[in-house]
Amino acid sequence: MLSPVFLMLFCMFVHQGTQDIVSKEQTYSYQVTGYLEDCTCDAETIQEFNNKLFSKLQELLKSDYFRYYKVNLKKPCPFWSDNSHCGLRDCAVKPCEPDDLPAGIRSESFKYTKKVNTVSQHVAECEEAEKLGAVNNSLSEETKQAVIDWTRHDDSTDNFCEIDDEQSPDAEYVDLLLNPERYTGYKGIETWKIWNSIYEENCFKPSSIRRPFNPLTPGKDKSSSEEGHMVHFTCQTWGKIQHMEISEAGGAFYNWLQDLCIEKRSFYRTISGLHTSINIHLSARYLLEDTWYEKKWGHNITEFKQRFDPHITKGEGPRRIQNLYFLYLLELRALSKVLPFFERPAFQLYTGNEAQDTKYKNLLLEILNLAKSFPSHFNEHSLFAGEKKESVNLKEEFRLHFKNITRIIDCIGCFKCRLWGKLQIQGLGTVLKILFSEKQINSISDSGPSKRFHLTRQDIVALFNAFGRVSTSLWELQNFMELLKTTH
């Protein structure tokens, strides 16, 4: 007869072994494998490709041209009168002093070549004399073209973003390397107002769907949701509801999502992918230790699990990660398509340092050609491919929904969250502009851009930094997978 002590030890051993198996299964179930929905690419190919691209992209983003971003963090919220700001020190943003900026960037932020900067005085004189009307015939041909280039982006109807006025006295340059995106601790009821505006009004949610996207909706049982953070920009925060029935939290909702047209489904997945990306950044650069003499930032596995653990999220975690891959494909496709714009000899990453400008333009073209070589690009032609009138109306609705989200970002009370929100949204807006400007991009010649397609320096900086954030998310995702293996 077995002794009670032996039985107890045996049961403990079996229980521990079972726990180890479950833990191992849960660890690996974080990973998304196989083909993605609405795409012809698998997650493994994307991850392998990003590993080739990541270090080159990070080197580019550390250069002077890409590290300085001009932003107005003082714009009032256009939707409600309460403009209170976060008082936490980690929410603060330190702008650049004018002398800190390279000469080429300090001169005119929206110009990107030495040639255009050289004729800027003529442009100013022309503006004063002609009020940007008919071009003065006494000006040279290159100056006339500079005037056209200078004003073209203001006349565009293809912008997906509400762009800051760079000439506003409130617009300041920020060094992105000195103000990194990371966890700030900003949270509370103010976040609900912003996310509710995004979820319920801008994600193409039919009125017949009663379930709120936003789990912070007043009146919900507190046990069914956790407090959200301001920086979690998403249509998907509803997925943080931890104690709902699986049929409600997963299957039923995704059955409805599948019934949407591909354009509206893609809109949701794009915003959801951005949410996932930001959540990974925050979990990877979390404040682990805060003393009077030192701050320690690093990977917070608990924070990561709260957002992506398949068990905690009732199966939502892998779906969120899948949407991150979707966003990566979307932005990668835009980089591959915009190559002709940057290949022109007239285009330079103008900072005033000729040797560095040449070096980083070559690196930029290397990255874009690598992006073009990707074997399974997202097919943007599947979007807005229906009847012409219906497609035009849907595209305009799509654009206005996204543009409205860019205005909501000005309601964020945490300045650092607002900075990175504005930059990534402008970058994503630039991605959408590129994807839907194929004819204009194809008409670009060596002598200059097409009449209808133009990118400002702000667009360019936002485009590559936004992609850099998504690329970093995939890189950190691998790091978390390794950490999860070693903690079980």
Protein backbone atom coordinates (compact mmCIF):
# COMPACT_ATOMS: atom_id res chain seq x y z
CA MET A 1 0.00 0.00 0.00
CA LEU A 2 1.34 3.40 -0.99
CA SER A 3 1.97 5.82 1.84
CA PRO A 4 0.00 9.10 1.98
CA VAL A 5 3.27 11.04 1.73
CA PHE A 6 4.22 9.21 -1.47
CA LEU A 7 0.76 9.86 -2.97
CA MET A 8 0.99 13.52 -2.09
CA LEU A 9 4.42 13.84 -3.70
CA PHE A 10 3.24 11.89 -6.75
CA CYS A 11 0.21 14.17 -7.20
CA MET A 12 2.39 17.26 -6.81
CA PHE A 13 4.75 15.91 -9.47
CA VAL A 14 1.92 15.16 -11.90
CA HIS A 15 0.32 18.54 -11.23
CA GLN A 16 3.61 20.34 -11.81
CA GLY A 17 4.21 18.41 -15.00
CA THR A 18 0.74 19.31 -16.25
CA GLN A 19 1.35 22.95 -15.41
CA ASP A 20 4.63 22.88 -17.33
CA ILE A 21 2.88 21.43 -20.38
CA VAL A 22 0.11 24.02 -20.21
CA SER A 23 2.62 26.82 -19.74
CA LYS A 24 4.66 25.62 -22.69
CA GLU A 25 1.56 25.37 -24.87
CA GLN A 26 0.44 28.84 -23.84
CA THR A 27 3.91 30.23 -24.51
CA TYR A 28 3.99 28.92 -28.04
CA SER A 29 0.36 29.79 -28.73
CA TYR A 30 1.31 33.47 -28.61
CA GLN A 31 3.00 32.98 -31.92
CA VAL A 32 1.04 33.56 -35.10
CA THR A 33 1.89 31.12 -37.87
CA GLY A 34 0.66 30.44 -41.37
CA TYR A 35 -1.21 32.66 -43.78
CA LEU A 36 -2.92 35.86 -42.68
CA GLU A 37 -6.53 36.80 -43.35
CA ASP A 38 -7.08 39.03 -46.40
CA CYS A 39 -3.43 38.48 -47.44
CA THR A 40 -1.39 36.05 -49.52
CA CYS A 41 1.54 35.99 -47.11
CA ASP A 42 2.43 34.00 -44.03
CA ALA A 43 3.73 35.32 -40.70
CA GLU A 44 7.01 33.39 -40.90
CA THR A 45 7.99 35.09 -44.18
CA ILE A 46 7.25 38.50 -42.71
CA GLN A 47 9.27 37.84 -39.56
CA GLU A 48 12.25 36.53 -41.52
CA PHE A 49 12.15 39.51 -43.87
CA ASN A 50 11.95 42.00 -41.01
CA ASN A 51 15.06 40.47 -39.47
CA LYS A 52 16.96 41.40 -42.65
CA LEU A 53 15.54 44.92 -42.75
CA PHE A 54 15.54 45.90 -39.08
CA SER A 55 19.14 46.98 -38.47
CA LYS A 56 19.33 49.01 -41.71
CA LEU A 57 16.12 50.82 -40.84
CA GLN A 58 17.29 51.60 -37.31
CA GLU A 59 20.53 53.05 -38.65
CA LEU A 60 18.57 55.30 -41.03
CA LEU A 61 16.25 56.57 -38.30
CA LYS A 62 19.20 57.63 -36.14
CA SER A 63 20.39 60.03 -38.85
CA ASP A 64 19.85 63.78 -38.51
CA TYR A 65 17.27 63.89 -41.30
CA PHE A 66 14.92 61.41 -39.62
CA ARG A 67 15.43 62.12 -35.93
CA TYR A 68 13.93 65.63 -35.96
CA TYR A 69 10.15 65.98 -36.27
CA LYS A 70 8.24 69.27 -36.18
CA VAL A 71 4.99 69.07 -34.24
CA ASN A 72 2.45 71.32 -32.56
CA LEU A 73 1.62 69.76 -29.20
CA LYS A 74 -0.38 72.77 -28.05
CA LYS A 75 -3.33 72.50 -30.43
CA PRO A 76 -6.62 72.49 -28.51
CA CYS A 77 -8.92 69.50 -28.63
CA PRO A 78 -11.56 70.19 -31.31
CA PHE A 79 -14.22 67.95 -29.74
CA TRP A 80 -14.54 69.00 -26.11
CA SER A 81 -13.52 71.98 -24.00
CA ASP A 82 -11.55 70.13 -21.31
CA ASN A 83 -7.91 70.52 -22.36
CA SER A 84 -6.25 69.32 -19.15
CA HIS A 85 -2.75 67.92 -19.56
CA CYS A 86 -0.89 65.16 -17.82
CA GLY A 87 1.36 66.25 -14.97
CA LEU A 88 3.47 63.09 -14.90
CA ARG A 89 7.13 63.78 -15.64
CA ASP A 90 7.36 60.89 -18.10
CA CYS A 91 4.64 62.55 -20.19
CA ALA A 92 6.78 65.63 -20.81
CA VAL A 93 8.45 66.35 -24.16
CA LYS A 94 11.59 68.45 -24.46
CA PRO A 95 11.68 70.42 -27.74
CA CYS A 96 14.89 71.28 -29.55
CA GLU A 97 16.67 74.59 -29.33
CA PRO A 98 17.11 76.17 -32.81
CA ASP A 99 20.90 75.82 -32.59
CA ASP A 100 20.54 72.06 -32.04
CA LEU A 101 19.17 71.55 -35.55
CA PRO A 102 21.23 70.91 -38.68
CA ALA A 103 21.32 73.96 -40.93
CA GLY A 104 19.45 72.28 -43.78
CA ILE A 105 16.53 71.33 -41.55
CA ARG A 106 16.45 74.60 -39.64
CA SER A 107 16.02 76.65 -42.84
CA GLU A 108 12.73 75.29 -44.22
CA SER A 109 11.28 72.06 -42.88
CA PHE A 110 9.10 71.26 -45.88
CA LYS A 111 11.91 71.60 -48.43
CA TYR A 112 14.19 68.66 -48.98
CA THR A 113 16.82 69.68 -51.53
CA LYS A 114 19.63 72.21 -51.56
CA LYS A 115 18.28 73.57 -54.83
CA VAL A 116 14.86 74.39 -53.39
CA ASN A 117 16.35 75.92 -50.25
CA THR A 118 18.57 78.11 -52.40
CA VAL A 119 15.60 79.69 -54.16
CA SER A 120 13.51 80.10 -51.01
CA GLN A 121 14.07 83.87 -50.99
CA HIS A 122 12.68 84.14 -54.50
CA VAL A 123 9.68 82.08 -53.40
CA ALA A 124 9.04 84.45 -50.50
CA GLU A 125 9.25 87.47 -52.79
CA CYS A 126 6.89 85.82 -55.24
CA GLU A 127 4.42 85.02 -52.48
CA GLU A 128 4.44 88.61 -51.30
CA ALA A 129 4.01 90.05 -54.80
CA GLU A 130 1.68 87.50 -56.29
CA LYS A 131 -0.10 86.12 -53.20
CA LEU A 132 0.72 82.73 -54.62
CA GLY A 133 -1.41 83.44 -57.64
CA ALA A 134 -0.06 83.40 -61.18
CA VAL A 135 3.69 82.83 -61.25
CA ASN A 136 5.69 85.97 -61.99
CA ASN A 137 7.01 85.69 -65.54
CA SER A 138 10.24 87.40 -64.55
CA LEU A 139 11.27 84.44 -62.43
CA SER A 140 13.46 81.68 -63.78
CA GLU A 141 11.98 78.31 -64.72
CA GLU A 142 13.52 76.56 -61.70
CA THR A 143 12.11 79.22 -59.36
CA LYS A 144 8.65 78.81 -60.91
CA GLN A 145 8.89 75.09 -60.32
CA ALA A 146 9.98 75.72 -56.73
CA VAL A 147 6.87 77.84 -56.16
CA ILE A 148 4.70 75.07 -57.55
CA ASP A 149 6.44 72.44 -55.43
CA TRP A 150 6.13 74.64 -52.38
CA THR A 151 2.37 75.02 -52.62
CA ARG A 152 1.34 71.75 -54.25
CA HIS A 153 0.81 69.77 -51.08
CA ASP A 154 -1.59 72.38 -49.73
CA ASP A 155 -3.83 71.89 -52.76
CA SER A 156 -3.95 68.10 -52.50
CA THR A 157 -7.26 66.45 -51.79
CA ASP A 158 -5.65 63.06 -51.19
CA ASN A 159 -4.32 63.73 -47.70
CA PHE A 160 -5.56 61.33 -45.04
CA CYS A 161 -4.32 63.48 -42.14
CA GLU A 162 -5.08 66.79 -40.51
CA ILE A 163 -1.61 68.31 -40.92
CA ASP A 164 -0.06 70.69 -38.39
CA ASP A 165 0.73 74.19 -39.61
CA GLU A 166 4.52 74.14 -39.58
CA GLN A 167 4.65 77.92 -39.60
CA SER A 168 2.65 78.19 -36.38
CA PRO A 169 4.67 79.69 -33.49
CA ASP A 170 3.50 76.70 -31.43
CA ALA A 171 5.13 74.18 -33.80
CA GLU A 172 8.48 73.00 -32.46
CA TYR A 173 11.12 70.50 -33.47
CA VAL A 174 11.49 67.43 -31.27
CA ASP A 175 14.43 65.05 -31.21
CA LEU A 176 12.78 61.64 -31.37
CA LEU A 177 15.87 59.89 -30.02
CA LEU A 178 15.76 62.01 -26.86
CA ASN A 179 11.99 61.57 -26.44
CA PRO A 180 11.47 57.82 -27.03
CA GLU A 181 8.09 56.14 -27.05
CA ARG A 182 7.65 54.16 -23.83
CA TYR A 183 5.30 53.59 -20.94
CA THR A 184 4.34 56.86 -19.23
CA GLY A 185 1.79 55.72 -16.63
CA TYR A 186 -0.90 57.97 -18.09
CA LYS A 187 -4.39 56.49 -17.67
CA GLY A 188 -7.86 57.28 -16.42
CA ILE A 189 -11.28 58.48 -17.51
CA GLU A 190 -9.74 60.92 -20.01
CA THR A 191 -8.59 57.94 -22.04
CA TRP A 192 -12.13 56.64 -22.30
CA LYS A 193 -13.33 59.85 -23.97
CA ILE A 194 -10.69 59.59 -26.66
CA TRP A 195 -10.98 55.90 -27.35
CA ASN A 196 -14.76 56.04 -27.31
CA SER A 197 -14.63 58.67 -30.06
CA ILE A 198 -12.35 56.43 -32.07
CA TYR A 199 -14.12 53.14 -31.47
CA GLU A 200 -17.75 54.08 -31.76
CA GLU A 201 -17.58 56.85 -34.36
CA ASN A 202 -14.69 56.01 -36.69
CA CYS A 203 -14.39 52.23 -37.09
CA PHE A 204 -17.38 51.64 -39.38
CA LYS A 205 -19.40 50.00 -36.65
CA PRO A 206 -22.99 49.39 -37.81
CA SER A 207 -25.72 50.74 -35.55
CA SER A 208 -27.16 47.22 -35.37
CA ILE A 209 -24.13 46.09 -33.34
CA ARG A 210 -24.87 46.94 -29.73
CA ARG A 211 -21.67 45.62 -28.22
CA PRO A 212 -19.31 48.56 -27.56
CA PHE A 213 -15.78 48.44 -28.92
CA ASN A 214 -14.68 50.29 -25.80
CA PRO A 215 -14.56 48.24 -22.58
CA LEU A 216 -14.35 51.42 -20.50
CA THR A 217 -17.93 52.30 -21.39
CA PRO A 218 -19.68 53.68 -18.27
CA GLY A 219 -22.03 51.21 -16.64
CA LYS A 220 -20.05 48.08 -17.52
CA ASP A 221 -19.26 45.68 -14.71
CA LYS A 222 -15.81 46.66 -13.42
CA SER A 223 -14.88 43.02 -13.13
CA SER A 224 -15.15 42.61 -16.88
CA SER A 225 -12.50 45.11 -17.89
CA GLU A 226 -9.26 46.63 -16.80
CA GLU A 227 -8.31 50.26 -16.79
CA GLY A 228 -6.79 51.29 -20.12
CA HIS A 229 -3.81 53.50 -20.83
CA MET A 230 -3.96 56.68 -22.87
CA VAL A 231 -1.32 55.48 -25.27
CA HIS A 232 -3.29 52.38 -26.33
CA PHE A 233 -4.52 53.82 -29.63
CA THR A 234 -6.97 51.32 -31.05
CA CYS A 235 -10.31 50.20 -32.26
CA GLN A 236 -9.51 46.95 -30.49
CA THR A 237 -9.39 47.90 -26.83
CA TRP A 238 -12.69 46.04 -26.45
CA GLY A 239 -10.46 42.96 -26.64
CA LYS A 240 -9.13 43.70 -23.15
CA ILE A 241 -12.42 42.52 -21.69
CA GLN A 242 -11.12 39.52 -19.82
CA HIS A 243 -14.17 37.78 -18.38
CA MET A 244 -16.67 37.78 -21.23
CA GLU A 245 -17.97 34.56 -22.71
CA ILE A 246 -15.82 33.35 -25.58
CA SER A 247 -18.79 33.31 -27.93
CA GLU A 248 -19.28 37.05 -27.33
CA ALA A 249 -15.64 38.10 -27.11
CA GLY A 250 -14.46 36.12 -30.10
CA GLY A 251 -16.62 34.15 -32.47
CA ALA A 252 -19.74 36.29 -32.69
CA PHE A 253 -17.80 39.51 -33.09
CA TYR A 254 -15.48 38.13 -35.74
CA ASN A 255 -18.41 36.64 -37.63
CA TRP A 256 -19.75 40.17 -37.86
CA LEU A 257 -16.34 41.52 -38.85
CA GLN A 258 -16.06 39.00 -41.68
CA ASP A 259 -19.38 40.25 -43.03
CA LEU A 260 -17.91 43.72 -43.55
CA CYS A 261 -16.53 44.66 -46.96
CA ILE A 262 -12.77 44.25 -47.26
CA GLU A 263 -12.17 48.02 -47.12
CA LYS A 264 -13.89 48.45 -43.76
CA ARG A 265 -12.35 45.25 -42.48
CA SER A 266 -8.92 46.53 -43.50
CA PHE A 267 -9.57 49.83 -41.75
CA TYR A 268 -10.30 47.98 -38.52
CA ARG A 269 -7.26 45.70 -38.86
CA THR A 270 -5.00 48.66 -39.58
CA ILE A 271 -6.03 50.49 -36.42
CA SER A 272 -5.94 47.26 -34.44
CA GLY A 273 -2.43 46.56 -35.74
CA LEU A 274 -1.33 50.02 -34.64
CA HIS A 275 -2.73 49.32 -31.18
CA THR A 276 -0.83 46.06 -30.99
CA SER A 277 2.37 47.74 -32.08
CA ILE A 278 2.10 50.46 -29.45
CA ASN A 279 1.26 47.96 -26.72
CA ILE A 280 4.40 45.98 -27.56
CA HIS A 281 6.50 49.18 -27.41
CA LEU A 282 5.13 50.01 -23.98
CA SER A 283 5.66 46.50 -22.67
CA ALA A 284 9.22 46.44 -24.03
CA ARG A 285 10.13 49.87 -22.60
CA TYR A 286 8.35 49.69 -19.27
CA LEU A 287 9.47 51.56 -16.16
CA LEU A 288 10.74 48.66 -14.04
CA GLU A 289 12.54 50.67 -11.38
CA ASP A 290 12.32 54.33 -10.38
CA THR A 291 14.67 55.70 -7.73
CA TRP A 292 15.99 59.18 -7.02
CA TYR A 293 19.24 58.40 -8.83
CA GLU A 294 18.19 55.99 -11.60
CA LYS A 295 15.36 54.84 -13.85
CA LYS A 296 15.43 51.36 -15.25
CA TRP A 297 13.42 50.59 -18.40
CA GLY A 298 12.96 47.12 -19.84
CA HIS A 299 10.69 44.24 -20.81
CA ASN A 300 7.64 43.71 -18.61
CA ILE A 301 6.43 40.18 -19.28
CA THR A 302 3.35 40.59 -17.08
CA GLU A 303 2.28 43.66 -19.03
CA PHE A 304 2.82 41.82 -22.30
CA LYS A 305 0.76 38.83 -21.14
CA GLN A 306 -2.14 41.06 -20.04
CA ARG A 307 -2.49 42.15 -23.65
CA PHE A 308 -1.59 39.06 -25.64
CA ASP A 309 -1.89 35.93 -23.51
CA PRO A 310 -4.43 33.69 -25.31
CA HIS A 311 -6.00 32.59 -22.02
CA ILE A 312 -6.25 36.02 -20.39
CA THR A 313 -7.59 37.64 -23.56
CA LYS A 314 -10.00 34.79 -24.37
CA GLY A 315 -8.18 34.08 -27.61
CA GLU A 316 -7.89 37.72 -28.69
CA GLY A 317 -4.11 38.00 -28.24
CA PRO A 318 -3.13 36.07 -31.39
CA ARG A 319 -5.72 38.01 -33.40
CA ARG A 320 -4.14 41.27 -32.29
CA ILE A 321 -0.69 40.03 -33.29
CA GLN A 322 -2.06 38.93 -36.65
CA ASN A 323 -3.31 42.48 -37.21
CA LEU A 324 0.22 43.74 -36.48
CA TYR A 325 1.48 41.63 -39.38
CA PHE A 326 -1.33 43.07 -41.52
CA LEU A 327 -0.18 46.62 -40.72
CA TYR A 328 3.43 45.68 -41.50
CA LEU A 329 2.42 44.41 -44.93
CA LEU A 330 0.41 47.56 -45.61
CA GLU A 331 3.30 49.89 -44.78
CA LEU A 332 5.89 47.73 -46.52
CA ARG A 333 3.83 47.84 -49.71
CA ALA A 334 3.76 51.65 -49.58
CA LEU A 335 7.56 51.77 -49.28
CA SER A 336 7.93 49.54 -52.32
CA LYS A 337 5.58 51.73 -54.38
CA VAL A 338 7.10 55.10 -53.51
CA LEU A 339 10.61 54.16 -54.69
CA PRO A 340 10.41 56.31 -57.90
CA PHE A 341 9.84 59.44 -55.82
CA PHE A 342 13.10 58.93 -53.90
CA GLU A 343 15.16 57.62 -56.84
CA ARG A 344 15.16 61.01 -58.55
CA PRO A 345 18.63 62.64 -58.60
CA ALA A 346 17.02 65.90 -57.52
CA PHE A 347 15.86 64.37 -54.24
CA GLN A 348 18.32 64.60 -51.35
CA LEU A 349 18.03 64.05 -47.62
CA TYR A 350 19.17 67.63 -47.23
CA THR A 351 20.67 68.52 -43.84
CA GLY A 352 23.61 70.63 -45.01
CA ASN A 353 26.18 67.84 -44.52
CA GLU A 354 26.78 66.66 -48.06
CA ALA A 355 28.74 63.51 -47.16
CA GLN A 356 26.14 62.36 -44.64
CA ASP A 357 23.25 63.27 -46.95
CA THR A 358 24.72 61.10 -49.72
CA LYS A 359 25.41 58.22 -47.35
CA TYR A 360 21.89 58.12 -45.98
CA LYS A 361 20.18 58.57 -49.32
CA ASN A 362 22.05 55.48 -50.52
CA LEU A 363 20.93 53.62 -47.39
CA LEU A 364 17.36 54.84 -47.96
CA LEU A 365 17.36 53.50 -51.52
CA GLU A 366 18.85 50.21 -50.30
CA ILE A 367 15.96 49.84 -47.85
CA LEU A 368 13.34 50.73 -50.47
CA ASN A 369 14.79 48.28 -53.00
CA LEU A 370 14.82 45.61 -50.29
CA ALA A 371 11.16 46.42 -49.60
CA LYS A 372 10.41 46.10 -53.30
CA SER A 373 12.00 42.62 -53.34
CA PHE A 374 9.53 41.24 -50.79
CA PRO A 375 7.87 38.22 -52.44
CA SER A 376 4.27 38.49 -51.20
CA HIS A 377 3.17 42.11 -51.05
CA PHE A 378 -0.25 43.25 -49.88
CA ASN A 379 -2.56 43.72 -52.87
CA GLU A 380 -3.98 47.21 -52.54
CA HIS A 381 -5.87 46.72 -55.80
CA SER A 382 -8.31 44.54 -53.88
CA LEU A 383 -9.50 47.71 -52.13
CA PHE A 384 -12.05 50.03 -53.73
CA ALA A 385 -12.37 47.71 -56.72
CA GLY A 386 -16.17 47.74 -57.03
CA GLU A 387 -18.44 49.96 -59.07
CA LYS A 388 -16.70 53.27 -59.76
CA LYS A 389 -19.19 55.58 -58.05
CA GLU A 390 -19.56 53.31 -55.05
CA SER A 391 -15.78 52.88 -54.75
CA VAL A 392 -15.15 56.61 -54.94
CA ASN A 393 -17.69 57.27 -52.20
CA LEU A 394 -16.27 54.48 -50.03
CA LYS A 395 -12.72 55.75 -50.48
CA GLU A 396 -13.77 59.24 -49.47
CA GLU A 397 -15.58 57.87 -46.42
CA PHE A 398 -12.47 55.85 -45.57
CA ARG A 399 -10.30 58.97 -45.90
CA LEU A 400 -12.57 61.15 -43.77
CA HIS A 401 -12.81 58.52 -41.02
CA PHE A 402 -9.04 58.33 -40.83
CA LYS A 403 -8.63 62.10 -41.02
CA ASN A 404 -11.03 62.49 -38.12
CA ILE A 405 -8.88 60.16 -36.02
CA THR A 406 -5.90 62.46 -36.63
CA ARG A 407 -7.93 65.29 -35.08
CA ILE A 408 -8.81 63.17 -32.04
CA ILE A 409 -5.08 62.77 -31.32
CA ASP A 410 -5.01 66.47 -30.35
CA CYS A 411 -7.23 65.57 -27.39
CA ILE A 412 -4.56 63.38 -25.78
CA GLY A 413 -3.41 64.96 -22.53
CA CYS A 414 -0.03 63.20 -22.35
CA PHE A 415 2.38 65.17 -24.54
CA LYS A 416 4.69 62.23 -25.22
CA CYS A 417 1.72 60.06 -26.16
CA ARG A 418 0.44 62.85 -28.37
CA LEU A 419 3.84 63.25 -30.05
CA TRP A 420 4.14 59.58 -30.99
CA GLY A 421 0.44 59.32 -31.80
CA LYS A 422 0.65 62.24 -34.24
CA LEU A 423 3.83 60.93 -35.84
CA GLN A 424 2.56 57.38 -36.34
CA ILE A 425 -0.83 58.54 -37.57
CA GLN A 426 0.77 60.94 -40.06
CA GLY A 427 3.04 58.11 -41.16
CA LEU A 428 0.09 55.79 -41.64
CA GLY A 429 -1.82 58.53 -43.45
CA THR A 430 1.15 58.92 -45.78
CA VAL A 431 1.08 55.15 -46.37
CA LEU A 432 -2.56 55.36 -47.44
CA LYS A 433 -1.85 58.37 -49.66
CA ILE A 434 0.94 56.42 -51.42
CA LEU A 435 -1.15 53.27 -51.87
CA PHE A 436 -3.93 55.19 -53.57
CA SER A 437 -1.71 57.43 -55.74
CA GLU A 438 -0.30 54.81 -58.11
CA LYS A 439 -0.94 56.75 -61.33
CA GLN A 440 0.58 59.92 -59.91
CA ILE A 441 3.68 58.10 -58.65
CA ASN A 442 4.16 56.30 -61.97
CA SER A 443 4.16 59.66 -63.76
CA ILE A 444 7.16 60.88 -61.75
CA SER A 445 10.14 61.66 -63.96
CA ASP A 446 13.82 62.30 -63.26
CA SER A 447 13.25 66.03 -63.61
CA GLY A 448 10.68 66.30 -60.87
CA PRO A 449 7.59 64.91 -59.10
CA SER A 450 4.28 64.50 -60.83
CA LYS A 451 1.75 67.28 -60.80
CA ARG A 452 -0.42 65.55 -58.24
CA PHE A 453 1.94 63.64 -55.96
CA HIS A 454 4.14 65.31 -53.39
CA LEU A 455 5.60 64.41 -50.00
CA THR A 456 6.80 67.01 -47.54
CA ARG A 457 9.79 66.41 -45.31
CA GLN A 458 7.30 65.91 -42.46
CA ASP A 459 5.54 63.18 -44.45
CA ILE A 460 8.85 61.46 -45.16
CA VAL A 461 10.05 61.56 -41.56
CA ALA A 462 6.68 60.29 -40.30
CA LEU A 463 6.48 57.56 -42.97
CA PHE A 464 9.81 55.94 -42.10
CA ASN A 465 9.53 56.41 -38.34
CA ALA A 466 6.04 54.88 -38.35
CA PHE A 467 7.34 51.86 -40.25
CA GLY A 468 10.29 51.78 -37.88
CA ARG A 469 7.89 51.45 -34.95
CA VAL A 470 6.06 48.52 -36.55
CA SER A 471 9.35 46.87 -37.49
CA THR A 472 10.54 47.30 -33.89
CA SER A 473 7.33 45.68 -32.66
CA LEU A 474 8.02 42.54 -34.69
CA TRP A 475 11.60 42.51 -33.41
CA GLU A 476 10.44 42.87 -29.79
CA LEU A 477 7.79 40.22 -30.34
CA GLN A 478 10.60 37.73 -30.92
CA ASN A 479 12.33 38.94 -27.76
CA PHE A 480 9.19 38.38 -25.72
CA MET A 481 8.79 34.88 -27.15
CA GLU A 482 12.30 34.03 -25.94
CA LEU A 483 11.67 35.58 -22.52
CA LEU A 484 8.44 33.63 -22.13
CA LYS A 485 10.25 30.36 -22.88
CA THR A 486 12.84 31.04 -20.19
CA THR A 487 10.29 32.01 -17.53
CA HIS A 488 8.42 28.67 -17.63
